[in-house]
Protein backbone atom coordinates (compact mmCIF):
# COMPACT_ATOMS: atom_id res chain seq x y z
CA MET A 1 -3.66 -59.31 124.12
CA LYS A 2 -4.64 -56.02 122.40
CA LYS A 3 -2.44 -56.91 119.42
CA ALA A 4 -3.98 -60.38 119.24
CA ILE A 5 -7.50 -58.92 119.34
CA ALA A 6 -6.57 -56.38 116.66
CA LEU A 7 -5.19 -59.13 114.43
CA MET A 8 -8.33 -61.22 114.94
CA LEU A 9 -10.56 -58.25 114.07
CA ALA A 10 -8.52 -57.56 110.95
CA LEU A 11 -8.84 -61.19 109.90
CA VAL A 12 -12.60 -61.13 110.48
CA MET A 13 -12.94 -57.92 108.44
CA THR A 14 -10.87 -59.42 105.61
CA LEU A 15 -13.02 -62.55 105.52
CA ALA A 16 -16.20 -60.49 105.63
CA LEU A 17 -15.06 -58.35 102.71
CA ALA A 18 -14.11 -61.45 100.75
CA ALA A 19 -17.53 -62.97 101.42
CA CYS A 20 -19.31 -59.79 100.30
CA GLY A 21 -17.37 -59.74 97.08
CA GLY A 22 -17.67 -63.45 96.38
CA GLY A 23 -21.06 -63.22 94.67
CA SER A 24 -19.87 -60.90 91.90
CA GLY A 25 -16.11 -60.96 91.87
CA SER A 26 -15.11 -64.53 92.51
CA GLY A 27 -16.27 -68.09 92.30
CA GLY A 28 -14.61 -71.45 91.88
CA GLY A 29 -11.17 -69.91 92.15
CA SER A 30 -11.55 -67.65 89.07
CA SER A 31 -12.49 -64.00 89.00
CA LYS A 32 -15.09 -62.43 86.72
CA PRO A 33 -14.38 -59.28 84.72
CA ALA A 34 -15.13 -56.08 86.56
CA GLY A 35 -17.94 -53.68 85.60
CA GLU A 36 -21.65 -53.76 84.84
CA THR A 37 -23.00 -57.01 83.48
CA LEU A 38 -24.15 -57.01 79.86
CA THR A 39 -27.48 -58.82 80.11
CA ILE A 40 -28.86 -60.32 76.89
CA PHE A 41 -32.33 -61.74 76.38
CA ASN A 42 -32.41 -64.56 73.81
CA SER A 43 -35.80 -65.48 72.37
CA LYS A 44 -34.44 -68.05 69.93
CA MET A 45 -34.63 -71.38 71.73
CA GLU A 46 -32.49 -73.24 69.16
CA ILE A 47 -29.33 -71.27 69.98
CA GLN A 48 -29.54 -70.92 73.76
CA SER A 49 -26.62 -73.26 74.46
CA GLN A 50 -24.49 -71.46 71.86
CA MET A 51 -25.43 -68.10 73.40
CA GLU A 52 -24.41 -69.29 76.85
CA GLU A 53 -21.03 -70.54 75.60
CA MET A 54 -20.49 -67.30 73.69
CA ALA A 55 -21.20 -65.30 76.86
CA LYS A 56 -18.43 -67.14 78.69
CA GLN A 57 -15.90 -66.61 75.92
CA TYR A 58 -16.84 -62.98 75.33
CA SER A 59 -16.53 -62.29 79.06
CA GLU A 60 -13.05 -63.81 79.11
CA THR A 61 -11.70 -62.21 75.94
CA LYS A 62 -13.32 -58.77 76.23
CA GLY A 63 -13.31 -58.33 79.99
CA VAL A 64 -17.04 -57.59 79.94
CA PRO A 65 -19.28 -59.83 82.07
CA VAL A 66 -22.14 -61.21 79.97
CA GLU A 67 -25.21 -63.15 81.06
CA VAL A 68 -27.78 -64.66 78.68
CA TYR A 69 -31.40 -65.33 79.58
CA TYR A 70 -34.17 -67.25 77.83
CA SER A 71 -37.92 -67.45 78.46
CA SER A 72 -40.53 -69.74 76.95
CA ASP A 73 -43.17 -67.03 77.38
CA THR A 74 -44.14 -64.94 74.37
CA VAL A 75 -41.65 -62.16 73.79
CA ALA A 76 -44.25 -59.46 74.43
CA ALA A 77 -45.37 -61.00 77.72
CA HIS A 78 -41.83 -61.55 78.96
CA MET A 79 -40.70 -58.04 78.11
CA ALA A 80 -43.79 -56.57 79.76
CA THR A 81 -42.87 -58.39 82.97
CA LYS A 82 -39.31 -57.08 82.84
CA TYR A 83 -40.43 -53.49 82.35
CA ALA A 84 -43.07 -53.78 85.07
CA SER A 85 -40.30 -54.73 87.50
CA ASN A 86 -38.03 -51.95 86.17
CA ASP A 87 -35.38 -54.53 85.31
CA PRO A 88 -34.58 -54.16 81.59
CA TYR A 89 -32.02 -56.21 79.68
CA ALA A 90 -29.16 -54.26 78.15
CA ILE A 91 -29.85 -56.09 74.87
CA ALA A 92 -33.11 -57.83 74.01
CA MET A 93 -33.70 -60.22 71.11
CA VAL A 94 -37.27 -59.74 69.96
CA ASP A 95 -39.43 -60.20 66.89
CA ALA A 96 -39.80 -57.41 64.36
CA LYS A 97 -43.26 -56.45 65.61
CA ASP A 98 -41.84 -55.96 69.10
CA VAL A 99 -39.36 -53.39 67.81
CA TYR A 100 -42.31 -51.38 66.50
CA SER A 101 -44.32 -51.72 69.71
CA LEU A 102 -41.48 -51.26 72.22
CA GLY A 103 -38.83 -49.38 70.32
CA ALA A 104 -40.09 -45.81 70.47
CA GLU A 105 -40.14 -45.91 74.28
CA HIS A 106 -37.32 -48.29 75.15
CA ALA A 107 -34.79 -48.64 72.32
CA ALA A 108 -31.63 -46.60 71.89
CA ASP A 109 -31.01 -44.90 68.54
CA LEU A 110 -28.47 -46.93 66.55
CA SER A 111 -28.57 -44.81 63.41
CA GLY A 112 -24.91 -43.83 63.68
CA GLU A 113 -23.57 -47.39 63.85
CA GLN A 114 -21.37 -48.66 61.01
CA TRP A 115 -23.35 -51.86 60.44
CA VAL A 116 -26.41 -49.88 59.37
CA GLY A 117 -24.74 -49.40 55.99
CA ASP A 118 -24.03 -53.12 55.61
CA THR A 119 -27.58 -54.48 55.87
CA THR A 120 -30.92 -53.97 54.17
CA GLN A 121 -32.86 -55.54 57.04
CA ALA A 122 -32.52 -52.98 59.88
CA ILE A 123 -35.76 -51.65 61.38
CA SER A 124 -36.34 -47.92 61.70
CA VAL A 125 -39.06 -46.20 63.70
CA ASP A 126 -39.72 -42.48 63.29
CA GLY A 127 -36.51 -42.09 61.29
CA LYS A 128 -34.30 -43.81 63.88
CA VAL A 129 -32.65 -47.20 63.45
CA LEU A 130 -33.72 -49.24 66.46
CA GLY A 131 -33.58 -52.88 65.34
CA PHE A 132 -30.37 -54.83 64.65
CA PRO A 133 -31.17 -57.86 62.43
CA VAL A 134 -29.70 -60.99 63.98
CA CYS A 135 -30.10 -63.13 60.86
CA VAL A 136 -32.11 -63.84 57.73
CA GLU A 137 -34.65 -66.65 57.90
CA ALA A 138 -37.12 -67.94 55.36
CA ARG A 139 -39.93 -70.45 55.01
CA GLY A 140 -40.75 -73.02 52.37
CA VAL A 141 -40.85 -76.76 51.84
CA ILE A 142 -37.81 -78.65 53.11
CA TYR A 143 -36.86 -81.58 50.91
CA ASN A 144 -34.60 -84.61 51.21
CA ALA A 145 -33.15 -85.04 47.72
CA ASP A 146 -31.35 -88.27 48.60
CA ALA A 147 -34.58 -89.87 49.79
CA ILE A 148 -36.35 -88.83 46.59
CA LYS A 149 -33.59 -90.22 44.37
CA ALA A 150 -33.49 -93.48 46.32
CA VAL A 151 -37.15 -94.07 45.41
CA THR A 152 -37.43 -92.54 41.93
CA GLY A 153 -33.91 -93.26 40.71
CA LYS A 154 -33.66 -89.68 39.45
CA ASP A 155 -31.78 -86.62 40.74
CA PHE A 156 -34.24 -84.21 42.32
CA ASP A 157 -34.47 -80.72 40.81
CA PRO A 158 -36.51 -78.51 43.16
CA GLU A 159 -37.07 -75.97 40.38
CA SER A 160 -39.09 -78.60 38.50
CA ILE A 161 -41.77 -78.46 41.22
CA LYS A 162 -43.67 -75.21 40.88
CA THR A 163 -47.40 -75.99 41.07
CA THR A 164 -49.48 -78.05 43.44
CA ALA A 165 -50.10 -80.45 40.56
CA ASP A 166 -46.33 -80.89 40.10
CA PHE A 167 -46.00 -81.60 43.81
CA GLN A 168 -48.87 -84.10 43.84
CA ALA A 169 -47.41 -85.94 40.84
CA LEU A 170 -44.07 -86.39 42.58
CA ILE A 171 -45.82 -87.53 45.77
CA ASN A 172 -47.67 -90.14 43.68
CA ASP A 173 -44.36 -91.34 42.19
CA LEU A 174 -42.85 -91.69 45.66
CA ILE A 175 -45.83 -93.68 46.91
CA ALA A 176 -45.71 -95.91 43.84
CA GLY A 177 -42.02 -96.48 44.50
CA GLY A 178 -42.63 -97.66 48.05
CA MET A 179 -42.49 -94.52 50.25
CA ALA A 180 -45.74 -95.06 52.10
CA ALA A 181 -46.14 -91.50 53.42
CA PRO A 182 -43.82 -88.93 51.80
CA THR A 183 -44.63 -85.90 53.98
CA GLY A 184 -44.56 -84.69 57.56
CA VAL A 185 -46.57 -81.83 59.07
CA MET A 186 -45.54 -80.04 62.24
CA LYS A 187 -48.58 -79.60 64.46
CA GLU A 188 -47.12 -76.70 66.49
CA ASP A 189 -49.33 -73.61 66.53
CA TRP A 190 -46.43 -71.35 65.56
CA SER A 191 -45.68 -73.46 62.48
CA LEU A 192 -49.30 -73.61 61.35
CA ALA A 193 -50.36 -70.03 62.09
CA ALA A 194 -47.26 -67.84 62.37
CA HIS A 195 -45.60 -69.49 59.37
CA PHE A 196 -48.02 -71.23 56.97
CA LEU A 197 -51.18 -69.18 57.54
CA ALA A 198 -49.11 -65.99 57.59
CA GLU A 199 -48.26 -66.59 53.94
CA VAL A 200 -51.93 -66.04 53.09
CA TYR A 201 -51.40 -62.42 54.17
CA GLU A 202 -47.83 -62.06 52.93
CA LEU A 203 -48.61 -63.13 49.37
CA GLN A 204 -51.30 -60.48 48.96
CA ASP A 205 -50.53 -57.31 47.03
CA ASP A 206 -51.38 -55.28 50.15
CA PRO A 207 -51.48 -57.35 53.38
CA ASP A 208 -52.85 -54.46 55.45
CA ALA A 209 -55.74 -53.89 53.05
CA PHE A 210 -56.41 -57.62 52.88
CA ILE A 211 -56.69 -57.97 56.65
CA ALA A 212 -58.85 -54.83 56.82
CA GLY A 213 -61.12 -56.41 54.21
CA ILE A 214 -61.49 -59.58 56.26
CA LYS A 215 -62.34 -57.47 59.30
CA ASP A 216 -65.04 -55.40 57.58
CA GLY A 217 -66.44 -58.28 55.55
CA SER A 218 -65.56 -56.90 52.14
CA ILE A 219 -63.17 -59.83 51.57
CA LYS A 220 -64.35 -63.42 52.02
CA LEU A 221 -61.38 -65.51 53.09
CA ALA A 222 -63.03 -68.73 51.89
CA ASP A 223 -63.18 -67.31 48.34
CA ASP A 224 -59.68 -65.81 48.26
CA GLU A 225 -57.37 -67.08 45.50
CA VAL A 226 -54.23 -67.04 47.66
CA TYR A 227 -55.91 -68.80 50.57
CA ASN A 228 -57.24 -71.57 48.37
CA ALA A 229 -54.00 -72.01 46.42
CA LEU A 230 -51.99 -72.42 49.61
CA MET A 231 -54.58 -74.67 51.21
CA ASP A 232 -54.56 -76.90 48.12
CA THR A 233 -50.87 -77.51 48.79
CA PHE A 234 -51.40 -77.87 52.54
CA ASP A 235 -53.97 -80.57 51.77
CA VAL A 236 -51.33 -82.51 49.81
CA LEU A 237 -49.01 -82.31 52.81
CA LYS A 238 -51.85 -83.24 55.17
CA GLU A 239 -53.19 -86.19 53.17
CA ASN A 240 -49.73 -87.74 52.73
CA ASN A 241 -48.55 -87.09 56.29
CA TYR A 242 -46.90 -90.09 57.96
CA ALA A 243 -48.84 -89.17 61.12
CA LYS A 244 -52.13 -88.53 59.33
CA ASP A 245 -54.16 -90.60 61.79
CA ALA A 246 -52.75 -88.76 64.82
CA ALA A 247 -51.56 -85.51 63.28
CA ILE A 248 -51.86 -83.31 66.35
CA SER A 249 -49.96 -85.80 68.47
CA ALA A 250 -46.91 -85.98 66.20
CA GLU A 251 -43.75 -84.76 67.92
CA ARG A 252 -41.64 -82.23 66.07
CA GLU A 253 -38.40 -84.09 66.81
CA LEU A 254 -39.71 -87.35 65.35
CA THR A 255 -41.01 -85.61 62.23
CA GLU A 256 -37.67 -83.93 61.65
CA GLN A 257 -35.79 -87.15 62.32
CA LYS A 258 -37.85 -88.95 59.67
CA LEU A 259 -37.09 -86.14 57.22
CA ALA A 260 -33.40 -86.09 58.10
CA GLU A 261 -32.99 -89.83 57.69
CA GLY A 262 -35.07 -90.09 54.52
CA GLU A 263 -38.13 -91.94 55.76
CA ILE A 264 -40.19 -89.01 54.46
CA ALA A 265 -39.22 -86.55 51.72
CA PHE A 266 -40.97 -83.24 52.47
CA MET A 267 -41.93 -80.98 55.37
CA PHE A 268 -43.00 -77.34 55.50
CA GLY A 269 -40.58 -75.36 57.65
CA GLY A 270 -37.65 -72.97 57.68
CA ASN A 271 -33.90 -72.88 57.91
CA TRP A 272 -34.13 -72.79 61.72
CA ASP A 273 -35.16 -76.45 61.51
CA TRP A 274 -31.54 -77.38 60.83
CA ASP A 275 -30.86 -77.04 64.55
CA VAL A 276 -33.14 -80.05 65.06
CA ILE A 277 -32.32 -81.97 61.88
CA ASN A 278 -28.57 -81.96 62.47
CA ALA A 279 -29.03 -83.93 65.69
CA TYR A 280 -29.84 -87.00 63.59
CA ASP A 281 -28.14 -89.09 60.91
CA TYR A 282 -29.20 -86.64 58.23
CA SER A 283 -28.94 -87.10 54.48
CA GLU A 284 -26.26 -85.17 52.67
CA ASN A 285 -28.46 -83.56 50.03
CA MET A 286 -31.24 -81.53 51.59
CA GLY A 287 -32.56 -78.04 50.91
CA MET A 288 -35.51 -75.69 50.77
CA MET A 289 -37.82 -74.77 47.92
CA PRO A 290 -40.80 -72.41 47.62
CA VAL A 291 -44.23 -73.69 48.58
CA PRO A 292 -45.62 -75.11 45.31
CA SER A 293 -48.88 -73.47 44.29
CA ALA A 294 -50.95 -72.15 41.39
CA LEU A 295 -49.65 -68.67 42.27
CA SER A 296 -47.04 -67.96 39.61
CA SER A 297 -46.08 -64.74 41.40
CA ALA A 298 -45.05 -66.65 44.52
CA ASN A 299 -44.07 -70.21 43.66
CA THR A 300 -40.50 -69.31 42.75
CA LYS A 301 -39.73 -67.44 45.98
CA LEU A 302 -39.31 -68.21 49.66
CA VAL A 303 -41.00 -66.02 52.26
CA GLY A 304 -38.63 -64.37 54.70
CA GLY A 305 -36.16 -61.66 55.56
CA GLY A 306 -34.69 -60.27 58.74
CA SER A 307 -35.67 -62.52 61.62
CA LYS A 308 -35.13 -61.75 65.28
CA TYR A 309 -33.80 -58.34 66.17
CA PHE A 310 -31.62 -57.01 68.95
CA TYR A 311 -32.33 -53.63 70.44
CA VAL A 312 -30.25 -51.78 73.00
CA ASP A 313 -32.28 -50.54 75.94
CA ASN A 314 -32.14 -46.80 76.52
CA GLY A 315 -32.94 -47.28 80.19
CA VAL A 316 -29.56 -48.74 81.16
CA SER A 317 -26.48 -46.63 81.82
CA GLU A 318 -24.64 -44.96 78.95
CA GLU A 319 -21.61 -47.10 79.76
CA LEU A 320 -23.68 -50.26 79.43
CA GLN A 321 -25.30 -48.98 76.23
CA GLN A 322 -21.83 -48.56 74.75
CA LYS A 323 -20.86 -52.08 75.78
CA ALA A 324 -24.01 -53.30 74.05
CA LYS A 325 -23.12 -51.41 70.86
CA ASP A 326 -19.60 -52.86 71.04
CA PHE A 327 -21.11 -56.34 71.24
CA LEU A 328 -23.22 -55.76 68.12
CA ASN A 329 -20.16 -54.53 66.25
CA TRP A 330 -18.28 -57.63 67.40
CA LEU A 331 -20.94 -59.81 65.79
CA VAL A 332 -20.68 -58.03 62.45
CA TYR A 333 -17.02 -57.07 62.13
CA GLU A 334 -14.81 -59.36 64.21
CA ALA A 335 -13.88 -62.87 63.08
CA ASP A 336 -15.02 -64.49 66.33
CA GLY A 337 -18.38 -62.74 66.15
CA GLN A 338 -18.97 -63.74 62.55
CA ASP A 339 -17.95 -67.31 63.35
CA PHE A 340 -20.45 -67.35 66.21
CA LEU A 341 -23.32 -66.27 63.96
CA VAL A 342 -22.55 -68.41 60.92
CA ASN A 343 -20.72 -71.49 62.18
CA GLN A 344 -21.79 -71.89 65.79
CA CYS A 345 -25.43 -70.84 65.42
CA ASN A 346 -25.93 -71.92 61.78
CA LEU A 347 -27.54 -68.57 60.97
CA VAL A 348 -27.72 -66.80 57.63
CA PRO A 349 -26.08 -63.41 58.21
CA ALA A 350 -27.97 -60.22 57.36
CA TYR A 351 -24.78 -58.27 56.58
CA SER A 352 -23.12 -57.89 53.19
CA ASN A 353 -19.61 -57.74 54.67
CA ILE A 354 -19.90 -61.24 56.19
CA THR A 355 -18.67 -63.59 53.48
CA LEU A 356 -18.41 -66.83 55.46
CA ALA A 357 -20.09 -69.70 53.65
CA VAL A 358 -23.27 -70.91 55.32
CA GLY A 359 -22.38 -74.46 56.27
CA ASN A 360 -25.81 -76.10 56.42
CA PRO A 361 -27.99 -76.90 53.40
CA LEU A 362 -31.13 -75.13 54.60
CA GLY A 363 -29.29 -71.91 55.35
CA SER A 364 -27.42 -72.24 52.08
CA SER A 365 -30.74 -72.47 50.22
CA VAL A 366 -32.03 -69.35 51.97
CA LYS A 367 -28.87 -67.43 51.18
CA ALA A 368 -29.12 -68.43 47.51
CA TYR A 369 -32.70 -67.13 47.29
CA ALA A 370 -31.80 -63.98 49.22
CA ASP A 371 -28.77 -63.29 46.99
CA LYS A 372 -30.93 -63.37 43.86
CA GLY A 373 -33.67 -61.24 45.43
CA ALA A 374 -36.17 -64.11 45.58
CA LEU A 375 -37.60 -63.48 49.03
CA ILE A 376 -41.13 -62.27 49.73
CA GLY A 377 -41.03 -60.11 52.85
CA ASN A 378 -42.43 -61.12 56.22
CA TYR A 379 -45.58 -59.43 57.50
CA ASN A 380 -44.34 -58.33 60.90
CA TYR A 381 -47.49 -56.90 62.48
CA LEU A 382 -49.68 -59.84 63.42
CA PRO A 383 -51.25 -59.61 66.90
CA ASP A 384 -49.42 -61.30 69.76
CA ASP A 385 -52.17 -63.91 70.15
CA HIS A 386 -52.47 -64.69 66.43
CA TYR A 387 -50.29 -67.77 66.39
CA ALA A 388 -51.84 -69.25 69.54
CA LYS A 389 -55.49 -68.65 68.66
CA CYS A 390 -55.30 -69.20 64.91
CA GLY A 391 -52.86 -72.05 65.51
CA ALA A 392 -55.48 -73.80 67.64
CA ILE A 393 -58.02 -73.30 64.86
CA PHE A 394 -55.59 -74.68 62.29
CA GLN A 395 -54.90 -77.68 64.49
CA LYS A 396 -58.61 -78.53 64.30
CA TYR A 397 -58.32 -78.50 60.52
CA LEU A 398 -55.22 -80.67 60.65
CA ALA A 399 -57.11 -83.14 62.86
CA GLY A 400 -60.07 -83.24 60.47
CA GLN A 401 -62.44 -81.61 62.95
CA ILE A 402 -63.37 -78.74 60.59
CA ASP A 403 -63.22 -78.33 56.82
CA ARG A 404 -61.60 -75.57 54.76
CA ALA A 405 -64.71 -73.39 54.87
CA GLY A 406 -64.87 -73.83 58.65
CA LEU A 407 -61.21 -72.88 58.94
CA ALA A 408 -61.85 -69.69 57.00
CA GLU A 409 -64.94 -68.92 59.07
CA GLU A 410 -63.11 -69.26 62.40
CA ILE A 411 -60.11 -67.24 61.25
CA THR A 412 -62.49 -64.53 60.05
CA ALA A 413 -64.15 -64.56 63.47
CA TYR A 414 -60.74 -64.10 65.07
CA TRP A 415 -60.10 -60.98 62.99
CA ALA A 416 -63.43 -59.48 64.01
CA THR A 417 -61.83 -58.28 67.26
CA ALA A 418 -58.07 -58.64 66.62
CA GLU A 419 -55.93 -55.65 65.66
CA VAL A 420 -52.63 -55.64 63.80
CA GLY A 421 -49.60 -54.22 65.56
CA ALA A 422 -48.29 -50.69 65.26
CA HIS A 423 -46.26 -49.90 62.15
């Protein structure tokens, strides 16, 4: 009887131990790698599924458990919540401005890493490299060359369209040829304010001084040459928009489908839009060109550079920090990591040693402009609420509720209390 009881107790203890370990060491008949989990925050919605698949494969091949998280909140708000609960990610993907605002307190120094010498896009704060550039992204006008040729009968040369007048003339030809509405406009606040409106600052000789001038009243936005040149082109997009009569109800996916399939010919956007376009029966010959305008200093260049940055959190264990650094090196130097960036995520790499051809036409356009030094840098210090508040103002303009002077007046009012980010 004593032996039987002893055996039963041993069995119970064995089952109890197995149950305790089941949450982290087993599941579905397969065991996870041992050790601390490498947690990664992804703020790039378009690649979440690819990130999740990568985490599984990396865990299996490297023996390092990886979990990827995404939030639809603003990066700043989400990270603030994580730090308030003392639960940092080992690696966080943030925007450039977040590296400046969070990096000094939370980011590990990556200055000694090999990849620093293979990119021009890393972010340094107080002499320390804190931001790992995930990719290069740029903004401009996306075109469907096949759709244009189908209407005009001529091959489309994007370099022939430099000014707003050039753009309007081609739009007129397309309409005359039977394309009722040649453009699409994304109504999303981030597209209108974080991307299009941001170019008003980025194309200035000194964006900081320009914004300071708006704040103190020494610069009148409504009279600014850059503002008016860009808005002239926006008006061409707006007036020829297929969804002109319900512009702020147009769904992004439908707009991009129409562009992909050649129902429209132009849309302002960036190479990240390929992740939506490639879901449809897209035309073979597509690409990106600079925003046409009267600004000869800007109408031959895209606006962009390093976009999305990883930083390694200095609040996690040294062992986990090293695993995070190993992961970043995997992305840059190992074939599987490079394939993940370029082929799986359709990203333009920010590293000179990565020679894989960018397989999508929008990314290929960006790489071509980047290779010849034809990128105007991002302004990375806009306030966290800029795209939401100024995007809402811009949506009123898109809907015809205010005119250009009213748009300038409301944006100026926004800057009366807003402050740019630390840099």
